[in-house]
Amino acid sequence: MDKFEEKNEEFKEICTALLEQFAKKNKHYGNDYFSGEYVDLERWMSIKRKVARLQSYYSGTSKESLPDETLDDTWKDLAIYSIMELMLREGGKNGKKNI
């Protein structure tokens, strides 16, 4: 396996873990991100809170984002929020564009 295939495999493993985390959290939160009840600002604020956690970690004001959320968890959540936003903007599988 060359270095490109190794990184492709690593990327795939991370995406699989993201899918598992998305499925668990989306079920726990009742699919509310996609319910239409969130407005653009509310979705942005969810992302902004994750970015603020990263800022506090990297500025040295926090060793971890939260006691029950590691730095890696915060990065994963940001990736998931980005994908969910793309899903909304692309209209999911129904083909309706939301942009």
Protein backbone atom coordinates (compact mmCIF):
# COMPACT_ATOMS: atom_id res chain seq x y z
CA MET A 1 0.00 0.00 0.00
CA ASP A 2 1.51 3.35 -0.98
CA LYS A 3 1.33 6.53 1.12
CA PHE A 4 -1.72 7.79 -0.81
CA GLU A 5 -3.65 4.57 -0.28
CA GLU A 6 -2.72 4.65 3.41
CA LYS A 7 -4.13 8.17 3.80
CA ASN A 8 -7.23 7.20 1.82
CA GLU A 9 -7.78 4.29 4.19
CA GLU A 10 -7.22 6.51 7.24
CA PHE A 11 -9.70 9.04 5.84
CA LYS A 12 -12.24 6.28 5.29
CA GLU A 13 -11.85 5.06 8.88
CA ILE A 14 -12.41 8.56 10.24
CA CYS A 15 -15.48 9.02 8.03
CA THR A 16 -16.88 5.70 9.28
CA ALA A 17 -16.40 6.87 12.87
CA LEU A 18 -18.08 10.20 12.00
CA LEU A 19 -21.05 8.36 10.51
CA GLU A 20 -21.42 6.29 13.68
CA GLN A 21 -21.24 9.40 15.87
CA PHE A 22 -23.69 11.27 13.61
CA ALA A 23 -26.19 8.39 13.71
CA LYS A 24 -26.00 8.17 17.51
CA LYS A 25 -26.30 11.91 18.15
CA ASN A 26 -28.90 12.53 15.44
CA LYS A 27 -31.13 9.86 16.98
CA HIS A 28 -30.50 11.19 20.50
CA TYR A 29 -31.44 14.74 19.45
CA GLY A 30 -34.47 13.63 17.46
CA ASN A 31 -33.21 14.74 14.04
CA ASP A 32 -33.75 18.35 15.17
CA TYR A 33 -31.00 19.82 12.98
CA PHE A 34 -33.03 18.75 9.94
CA SER A 35 -36.51 19.41 11.34
CA GLY A 36 -36.74 22.91 9.93
CA GLU A 37 -37.08 24.41 13.38
CA TYR A 38 -33.47 25.63 13.40
CA VAL A 39 -32.86 28.87 11.56
CA ASP A 40 -29.53 29.70 9.94
CA LEU A 41 -28.37 31.67 12.97
CA GLU A 42 -29.08 28.78 15.37
CA ARG A 43 -27.14 26.38 13.18
CA TRP A 44 -24.25 28.82 12.99
CA MET A 45 -24.28 29.25 16.79
CA SER A 46 -23.90 25.48 17.22
CA ILE A 47 -20.79 25.61 15.06
CA LYS A 48 -19.53 28.75 16.78
CA ARG A 49 -19.72 27.04 20.20
CA LYS A 50 -17.49 24.24 18.89
CA VAL A 51 -15.03 26.77 17.47
CA ALA A 52 -14.98 28.60 20.83
CA ARG A 53 -14.05 25.32 22.53
CA LEU A 54 -11.16 24.90 20.11
CA GLN A 55 -10.05 28.49 20.68
CA SER A 56 -9.99 28.01 24.44
CA TYR A 57 -8.02 24.80 24.06
CA TYR A 58 -5.43 26.23 21.69
CA SER A 59 -5.10 29.51 23.59
CA GLY A 60 -4.16 27.52 26.67
CA THR A 61 -7.18 28.53 28.75
CA SER A 62 -8.47 24.95 28.77
CA LYS A 63 -6.74 21.57 28.79
CA GLU A 64 -9.75 19.92 27.15
CA SER A 65 -12.90 21.27 25.62
CA LEU A 66 -15.17 19.75 28.27
CA PRO A 67 -14.67 16.99 30.84
CA ASP A 68 -16.78 14.61 28.73
CA GLU A 69 -15.67 15.95 25.32
CA THR A 70 -12.08 15.61 24.19
CA LEU A 71 -10.35 17.83 21.68
CA ASP A 72 -10.79 15.09 19.07
CA ASP A 73 -14.52 14.93 19.88
CA THR A 74 -14.81 18.65 19.21
CA TRP A 75 -13.04 18.32 15.85
CA LYS A 76 -15.32 15.40 14.95
CA ASP A 77 -18.41 17.41 15.89
CA LEU A 78 -17.26 20.26 13.67
CA ALA A 79 -16.80 17.86 10.77
CA ILE A 80 -20.29 16.46 11.36
CA TYR A 81 -21.84 19.95 11.56
CA SER A 82 -20.12 20.81 8.26
CA ILE A 83 -21.53 17.71 6.58
CA MET A 84 -25.01 18.31 8.02
CA GLU A 85 -24.94 21.87 6.72
CA LEU A 86 -23.96 20.60 3.27
CA MET A 87 -26.82 18.11 3.46
CA LEU A 88 -29.26 20.94 4.17
CA ARG A 89 -27.78 23.19 1.48
CA GLU A 90 -27.92 20.43 -1.10
CA GLY A 91 -31.44 19.46 -0.12
CA GLY A 92 -30.60 15.88 0.76
CA LYS A 93 -31.67 13.13 -1.61
CA ASN A 94 -34.89 14.91 -2.56
CA GLY A 95 -32.94 17.16 -4.93
CA LYS A 96 -34.32 20.43 -3.56
CA LYS A 97 -31.63 23.04 -3.15
CA ASN A 98 -31.83 25.07 0.04
CA ILE A 99 -29.41 27.73 -1.13
